[in-house]
Amino acid sequence: MANSDEQLLSVLATLEECRAALRQSGKSDTAHLVSVAILDLRMKLSHISDAELKALCDEILLSESSGAPAQRRRPLLRLIK
């Protein structure tokens, strides 16, 4: 499993380099697509499900649309290193 994670980290580093090169050459749409692949890999490495990501996004949208100061709540996601 660790070897698999190491391979994914290597792929992630390469994708980040590709994204930077695409941005520098003005290919922002393609760089955005690579960003989606980077997000997907990061989620896999951190064991974050699609449902957890959606819950986080929903919570962010809810707090932004309320206009009121954000209340401290229990985090929806935990970062595990």
PDB file of N, CA and C in Angstrom:
ATOM      1  N   MET A   1       0.821  -1.195   0.000  1.00  0.00           N
ATOM      2  CA  MET A   1       0.000   0.000   0.000  1.00  0.00           C
ATOM      3  C   MET A   1       0.865   1.258   0.000  1.00  0.00           C
ATOM      4  N   ALA A   2       1.906   1.280   0.820  1.00  0.00           N
ATOM      5  CA  ALA A   2       2.786   2.444   0.888  1.00  0.00           C
ATOM      6  C   ALA A   2       3.423   2.713  -0.468  1.00  0.00           C
ATOM      7  N   ASN A   3       3.814   1.652  -1.168  1.00  0.00           N
ATOM      8  CA  ASN A   3       4.406   1.797  -2.490  1.00  0.00           C
ATOM      9  C   ASN A   3       3.408   2.427  -3.448  1.00  0.00           C
ATOM     10  N   SER A   4       2.162   2.030  -3.353  1.00  0.00           N
ATOM     11  CA  SER A   4       1.118   2.599  -4.192  1.00  0.00           C
ATOM     12  C   SER A   4       0.945   4.087  -3.898  1.00  0.00           C
ATOM     13  N   ASP A   5       0.958   4.446  -2.613  1.00  0.00           N
ATOM     14  CA  ASP A   5       0.855   5.850  -2.232  1.00  0.00           C
ATOM     15  C   ASP A   5       2.055   6.641  -2.739  1.00  0.00           C
ATOM     16  N   GLU A   6       3.229   6.042  -2.673  1.00  0.00           N
ATOM     17  CA  GLU A   6       4.430   6.703  -3.181  1.00  0.00           C
ATOM     18  C   GLU A   6       4.314   6.952  -4.680  1.00  0.00           C
ATOM     19  N   GLN A   7       3.783   5.983  -5.402  1.00  0.00           N
ATOM     20  CA  GLN A   7       3.592   6.150  -6.845  1.00  0.00           C
ATOM     21  C   GLN A   7       2.595   7.263  -7.125  1.00  0.00           C
ATOM     22  N   LEU A   8       1.504   7.296  -6.353  1.00  0.00           N
ATOM     23  CA  LEU A   8       0.509   8.351  -6.542  1.00  0.00           C
ATOM     24  C   LEU A   8       1.089   9.723  -6.217  1.00  0.00           C
ATOM     25  N   LEU A   9       1.932   9.808  -5.189  1.00  0.00           N
ATOM     26  CA  LEU A   9       2.578  11.078  -4.855  1.00  0.00           C
ATOM     27  C   LEU A   9       3.498  11.538  -5.980  1.00  0.00           C
ATOM     28  N   SER A  10       4.173  10.588  -6.609  1.00  0.00           N
ATOM     29  CA  SER A  10       5.036  10.912  -7.743  1.00  0.00           C
ATOM     30  C   SER A  10       4.206  11.422  -8.923  1.00  0.00           C
ATOM     31  N   VAL A  11       3.111  10.766  -9.199  1.00  0.00           N
ATOM     32  CA  VAL A  11       2.202  11.201 -10.267  1.00  0.00           C
ATOM     33  C   VAL A  11       1.657  12.588  -9.940  1.00  0.00           C
ATOM     34  N   LEU A  12       1.295  12.805  -8.686  1.00  0.00           N
ATOM     35  CA  LEU A  12       0.771  14.092  -8.248  1.00  0.00           C
ATOM     36  C   LEU A  12       1.790  15.204  -8.501  1.00  0.00           C
ATOM     37  N   ALA A  13       3.028  14.962  -8.157  1.00  0.00           N
ATOM     38  CA  ALA A  13       4.082  15.963  -8.378  1.00  0.00           C
ATOM     39  C   ALA A  13       4.222  16.283  -9.869  1.00  0.00           C
ATOM     40  N   THR A  14       4.158  15.253 -10.697  1.00  0.00           N
ATOM     41  CA  THR A  14       4.256  15.454 -12.139  1.00  0.00           C
ATOM     42  C   THR A  14       3.074  16.259 -12.656  1.00  0.00           C
ATOM     43  N   LEU A  15       1.873  15.935 -12.179  1.00  0.00           N
ATOM     44  CA  LEU A  15       0.683  16.680 -12.604  1.00  0.00           C
ATOM     45  C   LEU A  15       0.777  18.149 -12.193  1.00  0.00           C
ATOM     46  N   GLU A  16       1.308  18.409 -11.006  1.00  0.00           N
ATOM     47  CA  GLU A  16       1.448  19.796 -10.564  1.00  0.00           C
ATOM     48  C   GLU A  16       2.435  20.560 -11.439  1.00  0.00           C
ATOM     49  N   GLU A  17       3.496  19.901 -11.865  1.00  0.00           N
ATOM     50  CA  GLU A  17       4.443  20.520 -12.793  1.00  0.00           C
ATOM     51  C   GLU A  17       3.777  20.801 -14.130  1.00  0.00           C
ATOM     52  N   CYS A  18       2.997  19.849 -14.608  1.00  0.00           N
ATOM     53  CA  CYS A  18       2.279  20.026 -15.877  1.00  0.00           C
ATOM     54  C   CYS A  18       1.300  21.188 -15.785  1.00  0.00           C
ATOM     55  N   ARG A  19       0.585  21.276 -14.666  1.00  0.00           N
ATOM     56  CA  ARG A  19      -0.376  22.368 -14.483  1.00  0.00           C
ATOM     57  C   ARG A  19       0.335  23.718 -14.527  1.00  0.00           C
ATOM     58  N   ALA A  20       1.470  23.811 -13.847  1.00  0.00           N
ATOM     59  CA  ALA A  20       2.229  25.067 -13.839  1.00  0.00           C
ATOM     60  C   ALA A  20       2.684  25.435 -15.255  1.00  0.00           C
ATOM     61  N   ALA A  21       3.168  24.452 -15.991  1.00  0.00           N
ATOM     62  CA  ALA A  21       3.624  24.707 -17.365  1.00  0.00           C
ATOM     63  C   ALA A  21       2.458  25.135 -18.260  1.00  0.00           C
ATOM     64  N   LEU A  22       1.306  24.515 -18.062  1.00  0.00           N
ATOM     65  CA  LEU A  22       0.127  24.883 -18.852  1.00  0.00           C
ATOM     66  C   LEU A  22      -0.307  26.311 -18.551  1.00  0.00           C
ATOM     67  N   ARG A  23      -0.279  26.681 -17.288  1.00  0.00           N
ATOM     68  CA  ARG A  23      -0.655  28.052 -16.913  1.00  0.00           C
ATOM     69  C   ARG A  23       0.316  29.062 -17.520  1.00  0.00           C
ATOM     70  N   GLN A  24       1.605  28.739 -17.469  1.00  0.00           N
ATOM     71  CA  GLN A  24       2.613  29.646 -18.023  1.00  0.00           C
ATOM     72  C   GLN A  24       2.447  29.832 -19.519  1.00  0.00           C
ATOM     73  N   SER A  25       1.982  28.788 -20.198  1.00  0.00           N
ATOM     74  CA  SER A  25       1.813  28.893 -21.650  1.00  0.00           C
ATOM     75  C   SER A  25       0.421  29.383 -22.040  1.00  0.00           C
ATOM     76  N   GLY A  26      -0.360  29.798 -21.049  1.00  0.00           N
ATOM     77  CA  GLY A  26      -1.654  30.388 -21.352  1.00  0.00           C
ATOM     78  C   GLY A  26      -2.768  29.395 -21.625  1.00  0.00           C
ATOM     79  N   LYS A  27      -2.575  28.163 -21.268  1.00  0.00           N
ATOM     80  CA  LYS A  27      -3.584  27.116 -21.485  1.00  0.00           C
ATOM     81  C   LYS A  27      -4.387  26.904 -20.203  1.00  0.00           C
ATOM     82  N   SER A  28      -5.112  27.948 -19.783  1.00  0.00           N
ATOM     83  CA  SER A  28      -5.791  27.909 -18.492  1.00  0.00           C
ATOM     84  C   SER A  28      -6.903  26.862 -18.436  1.00  0.00           C
ATOM     85  N   ASP A  29      -7.609  26.639 -19.535  1.00  0.00           N
ATOM     86  CA  ASP A  29      -8.674  25.623 -19.523  1.00  0.00           C
ATOM     87  C   ASP A  29      -8.098  24.225 -19.298  1.00  0.00           C
ATOM     88  N   THR A  30      -7.013  23.926 -19.973  1.00  0.00           N
ATOM     89  CA  THR A  30      -6.378  22.627 -19.803  1.00  0.00           C
ATOM     90  C   THR A  30      -5.772  22.506 -18.408  1.00  0.00           C
ATOM     91  N   ALA A  31      -5.187  23.589 -17.902  1.00  0.00           N
ATOM     92  CA  ALA A  31      -4.637  23.588 -16.543  1.00  0.00           C
ATOM     93  C   ALA A  31      -5.739  23.320 -15.525  1.00  0.00           C
ATOM     94  N   HIS A  32      -6.928  23.859 -15.788  1.00  0.00           N
ATOM     95  CA  HIS A  32      -8.054  23.615 -14.882  1.00  0.00           C
ATOM     96  C   HIS A  32      -8.426  22.128 -14.882  1.00  0.00           C
ATOM     97  N   LEU A  33      -8.423  21.497 -16.039  1.00  0.00           N
ATOM     98  CA  LEU A  33      -8.716  20.058 -16.108  1.00  0.00           C
ATOM     99  C   LEU A  33      -7.678  19.243 -15.343  1.00  0.00           C
ATOM    100  N   VAL A  34      -6.421  19.626 -15.447  1.00  0.00           N
ATOM    101  CA  VAL A  34      -5.367  18.945 -14.700  1.00  0.00           C
ATOM    102  C   VAL A  34      -5.577  19.168 -13.195  1.00  0.00           C
ATOM    103  N   SER A  35      -6.069  20.342 -12.804  1.00  0.00           N
ATOM    104  CA  SER A  35      -6.361  20.618 -11.397  1.00  0.00           C
ATOM    105  C   SER A  35      -7.420  19.667 -10.853  1.00  0.00           C
ATOM    106  N   VAL A  36      -8.385  19.322 -11.684  1.00  0.00           N
ATOM    107  CA  VAL A  36      -9.417  18.367 -11.265  1.00  0.00           C
ATOM    108  C   VAL A  36      -8.788  16.992 -11.020  1.00  0.00           C
ATOM    109  N   ALA A  37      -7.874  16.596 -11.884  1.00  0.00           N
ATOM    110  CA  ALA A  37      -7.177  15.318 -11.687  1.00  0.00           C
ATOM    111  C   ALA A  37      -6.336  15.361 -10.413  1.00  0.00           C
ATOM    112  N   ILE A  38      -5.713  16.495 -10.136  1.00  0.00           N
ATOM    113  CA  ILE A  38      -4.915  16.655  -8.915  1.00  0.00           C
ATOM    114  C   ILE A  38      -5.811  16.530  -7.689  1.00  0.00           C
ATOM    115  N   LEU A  39      -6.967  17.183  -7.729  1.00  0.00           N
ATOM    116  CA  LEU A  39      -7.912  17.087  -6.616  1.00  0.00           C
ATOM    117  C   LEU A  39      -8.343  15.643  -6.393  1.00  0.00           C
ATOM    118  N   ASP A  40      -8.636  14.942  -7.465  1.00  0.00           N
ATOM    119  CA  ASP A  40      -9.056  13.543  -7.353  1.00  0.00           C
ATOM    120  C   ASP A  40      -7.964  12.690  -6.700  1.00  0.00           C
ATOM    121  N   LEU A  41      -6.728  12.870  -7.114  1.00  0.00           N
ATOM    122  CA  LEU A  41      -5.621  12.111  -6.515  1.00  0.00           C
ATOM    123  C   LEU A  41      -5.423  12.462  -5.043  1.00  0.00           C
ATOM    124  N   ARG A  42      -5.511  13.746  -4.722  1.00  0.00           N
ATOM    125  CA  ARG A  42      -5.360  14.158  -3.321  1.00  0.00           C
ATOM    126  C   ARG A  42      -6.462  13.553  -2.456  1.00  0.00           C
ATOM    127  N   MET A  43      -7.667  13.502  -2.990  1.00  0.00           N
ATOM    128  CA  MET A  43      -8.776  12.895  -2.250  1.00  0.00           C
ATOM    129  C   MET A  43      -8.511  11.410  -2.005  1.00  0.00           C
ATOM    130  N   LYS A  44      -8.018  10.727  -3.020  1.00  0.00           N
ATOM    131  CA  LYS A  44      -7.710   9.299  -2.870  1.00  0.00           C
ATOM    132  C   LYS A  44      -6.616   9.079  -1.828  1.00  0.00           C
ATOM    133  N   LEU A  45      -5.584   9.896  -1.884  1.00  0.00           N
ATOM    134  CA  LEU A  45      -4.479   9.767  -0.932  1.00  0.00           C
ATOM    135  C   LEU A  45      -4.929  10.064   0.497  1.00  0.00           C
ATOM    136  N   SER A  46      -5.886  10.957   0.650  1.00  0.00           N
ATOM    137  CA  SER A  46      -6.366  11.344   1.982  1.00  0.00           C
ATOM    138  C   SER A  46      -7.607  10.572   2.396  1.00  0.00           C
ATOM    139  N   HIS A  47      -8.053   9.655   1.541  1.00  0.00           N
ATOM    140  CA  HIS A  47      -9.228   8.829   1.815  1.00  0.00           C
ATOM    141  C   HIS A  47     -10.469   9.686   2.081  1.00  0.00           C
ATOM    142  N   ILE A  48     -10.679  10.684   1.216  1.00  0.00           N
ATOM    143  CA  ILE A  48     -11.845  11.554   1.298  1.00  0.00           C
ATOM    144  C   ILE A  48     -12.819  11.112   0.210  1.00  0.00           C
ATOM    145  N   SER A  49     -14.043  10.825   0.614  1.00  0.00           N
ATOM    146  CA  SER A  49     -15.044  10.363  -0.352  1.00  0.00           C
ATOM    147  C   SER A  49     -15.679  11.546  -1.076  1.00  0.00           C
ATOM    148  N   ASP A  50     -16.335  11.238  -2.195  1.00  0.00           N
ATOM    149  CA  ASP A  50     -17.065  12.263  -2.932  1.00  0.00           C
ATOM    150  C   ASP A  50     -18.145  12.890  -2.053  1.00  0.00           C
ATOM    151  N   ALA A  51     -18.797  12.081  -1.237  1.00  0.00           N
ATOM    152  CA  ALA A  51     -19.855  12.579  -0.356  1.00  0.00           C
ATOM    153  C   ALA A  51     -19.289  13.556   0.672  1.00  0.00           C
ATOM    154  N   GLU A  52     -18.096  13.277   1.200  1.00  0.00           N
ATOM    155  CA  GLU A  52     -17.472  14.184   2.163  1.00  0.00           C
ATOM    156  C   GLU A  52     -17.106  15.512   1.502  1.00  0.00           C
ATOM    157  N   LEU A  53     -16.589  15.451   0.275  1.00  0.00           N
ATOM    158  CA  LEU A  53     -16.254  16.677  -0.447  1.00  0.00           C
ATOM    159  C   LEU A  53     -17.512  17.494  -0.722  1.00  0.00           C
ATOM    160  N   LYS A  54     -18.580  16.821  -1.136  1.00  0.00           N
ATOM    161  CA  LYS A  54     -19.836  17.519  -1.393  1.00  0.00           C
ATOM    162  C   LYS A  54     -20.365  18.167  -0.116  1.00  0.00           C
ATOM    163  N   ALA A  55     -20.291  17.465   1.010  1.00  0.00           N
ATOM    164  CA  ALA A  55     -20.752  18.029   2.281  1.00  0.00           C
ATOM    165  C   ALA A  55     -19.941  19.273   2.640  1.00  0.00           C
ATOM    166  N   LEU A  56     -18.649  19.238   2.400  1.00  0.00           N
ATOM    167  CA  LEU A  56     -17.802  20.395   2.668  1.00  0.00           C
ATOM    168  C   LEU A  56     -18.201  21.567   1.776  1.00  0.00           C
ATOM    169  N   CYS A  57     -18.371  21.307   0.498  1.00  0.00           N
ATOM    170  CA  CYS A  57     -18.761  22.364  -0.442  1.00  0.00           C
ATOM    171  C   CYS A  57     -20.117  22.949  -0.072  1.00  0.00           C
ATOM    172  N   ASP A  58     -21.069  22.096   0.282  1.00  0.00           N
ATOM    173  CA  ASP A  58     -22.396  22.564   0.696  1.00  0.00           C
ATOM    174  C   ASP A  58     -22.293  23.452   1.925  1.00  0.00           C
ATOM    175  N   GLU A  59     -21.472  23.060   2.871  1.00  0.00           N
ATOM    176  CA  GLU A  59     -21.294  23.838   4.101  1.00  0.00           C
ATOM    177  C   GLU A  59     -20.666  25.192   3.799  1.00  0.00           C
ATOM    178  N   ILE A  60     -19.694  25.224   2.911  1.00  0.00           N
ATOM    179  CA  ILE A  60     -19.050  26.480   2.535  1.00  0.00           C
ATOM    180  C   ILE A  60     -20.064  27.402   1.853  1.00  0.00           C
ATOM    181  N   LEU A  61     -20.837  26.848   0.924  1.00  0.00           N
ATOM    182  CA  LEU A  61     -21.846  27.652   0.244  1.00  0.00           C
ATOM    183  C   LEU A  61     -22.887  28.187   1.223  1.00  0.00           C
ATOM    184  N   LEU A  62     -23.298  27.360   2.156  1.00  0.00           N
ATOM    185  CA  LEU A  62     -24.281  27.765   3.147  1.00  0.00           C
ATOM    186  C   LEU A  62     -23.743  28.904   4.013  1.00  0.00           C
ATOM    187  N   SER A  63     -22.512  28.788   4.456  1.00  0.00           N
ATOM    188  CA  SER A  63     -21.946  29.824   5.316  1.00  0.00           C
ATOM    189  C   SER A  63     -21.701  31.116   4.542  1.00  0.00           C
ATOM    190  N   GLU A  64     -21.345  31.014   3.262  1.00  0.00           N
ATOM    191  CA  GLU A  64     -21.125  32.210   2.450  1.00  0.00           C
ATOM    192  C   GLU A  64     -22.438  32.906   2.124  1.00  0.00           C
ATOM    193  N   SER A  65     -23.494  32.144   1.916  1.00  0.00           N
ATOM    194  CA  SER A  65     -24.768  32.740   1.533  1.00  0.00           C
ATOM    195  C   SER A  65     -25.518  33.329   2.716  1.00  0.00           C
ATOM    196  N   SER A  66     -25.198  32.900   3.918  1.00  0.00           N
ATOM    197  CA  SER A  66     -25.915  33.408   5.088  1.00  0.00           C
ATOM    198  C   SER A  66     -25.529  34.845   5.410  1.00  0.00           C
ATOM    199  N   GLY A  67     -24.331  35.250   5.069  1.00  0.00           N
ATOM    200  CA  GLY A  67     -23.886  36.605   5.339  1.00  0.00           C
ATOM    201  C   GLY A  67     -23.521  36.845   6.791  1.00  0.00           C
ATOM    202  N   ALA A  68     -23.893  35.957   7.660  1.00  0.00           N
ATOM    203  CA  ALA A  68     -23.576  36.098   9.083  1.00  0.00           C
ATOM    204  C   ALA A  68     -22.179  35.547   9.332  1.00  0.00           C
ATOM    205  N   PRO A  69     -21.541  36.004  10.391  1.00  0.00           N
ATOM    206  CA  PRO A  69     -20.221  35.437  10.717  1.00  0.00           C
ATOM    207  C   PRO A  69     -20.331  33.930  10.927  1.00  0.00           C
ATOM    208  N   ALA A  70     -19.364  33.232  10.420  1.00  0.00           N
ATOM    209  CA  ALA A  70     -19.373  31.765  10.526  1.00  0.00           C
ATOM    210  C   ALA A  70     -19.271  31.334  11.981  1.00  0.00           C
ATOM    211  N   GLN A  71     -20.122  30.405  12.362  1.00  0.00           N
ATOM    212  CA  GLN A  71     -20.069  29.862  13.714  1.00  0.00           C
ATOM    213  C   GLN A  71     -19.091  28.704  13.732  1.00  0.00           C
ATOM    214  N   ARG A  72     -18.414  28.546  14.848  1.00  0.00           N
ATOM    215  CA  ARG A  72     -17.484  27.429  14.988  1.00  0.00           C
ATOM    216  C   ARG A  72     -18.264  26.144  15.140  1.00  0.00           C
ATOM    217  N   ARG A  73     -18.003  25.199  14.282  1.00  0.00           N
ATOM    218  CA  ARG A  73     -18.644  23.897  14.344  1.00  0.00           C
ATOM    219  C   ARG A  73     -17.586  22.823  14.278  1.00  0.00           C
ATOM    220  N   ARG A  74     -18.027  21.637  14.562  1.00  0.00           N
ATOM    221  CA  ARG A  74     -17.141  20.488  14.427  1.00  0.00           C
ATOM    222  C   ARG A  74     -16.748  20.357  12.956  1.00  0.00           C
ATOM    223  N   PRO A  75     -15.468  20.194  12.656  1.00  0.00           N
ATOM    224  CA  PRO A  75     -15.049  20.079  11.260  1.00  0.00           C
ATOM    225  C   PRO A  75     -15.714  18.902  10.570  1.00  0.00           C
ATOM    226  N   LEU A  76     -16.051  19.101   9.294  1.00  0.00           N
ATOM    227  CA  LEU A  76     -16.658  18.046   8.503  1.00  0.00           C
ATOM    228  C   LEU A  76     -15.610  17.039   8.035  1.00  0.00           C
ATOM    229  N   LEU A  77     -14.387  17.526   7.834  1.00  0.00           N
ATOM    230  CA  LEU A  77     -13.305  16.661   7.365  1.00  0.00           C
ATOM    231  C   LEU A  77     -12.144  16.760   8.349  1.00  0.00           C
ATOM    232  N   ARG A  78     -11.439  15.681   8.479  1.00  0.00           N
ATOM    233  CA  ARG A  78     -10.240  15.653   9.304  1.00  0.00           C
ATOM    234  C   ARG A  78      -9.049  15.374   8.428  1.00  0.00           C
ATOM    235  N   LEU A  79      -7.983  16.129   8.623  1.00  0.00           N
ATOM    236  CA  LEU A  79      -6.741  15.888   7.905  1.00  0.00           C
ATOM    237  C   LEU A  79      -5.914  14.913   8.727  1.00  0.00           C
ATOM    238  N   ILE A  80      -5.572  13.791   8.112  1.00  0.00           N
ATOM    239  CA  ILE A  80      -4.768  12.775   8.786  1.00  0.00           C
ATOM    240  C   ILE A  80      -3.466  12.646   8.033  1.00  0.00           C
ATOM    241  N   LYS A  81      -2.380  12.833   8.743  1.00  0.00           N
ATOM    242  CA  LYS A  81      -1.073  12.736   8.090  1.00  0.00           C
ATOM    243  C   LYS A  81      -0.434  11.422   8.413  1.00  0.00           C
TER     244      LYS A  81
END
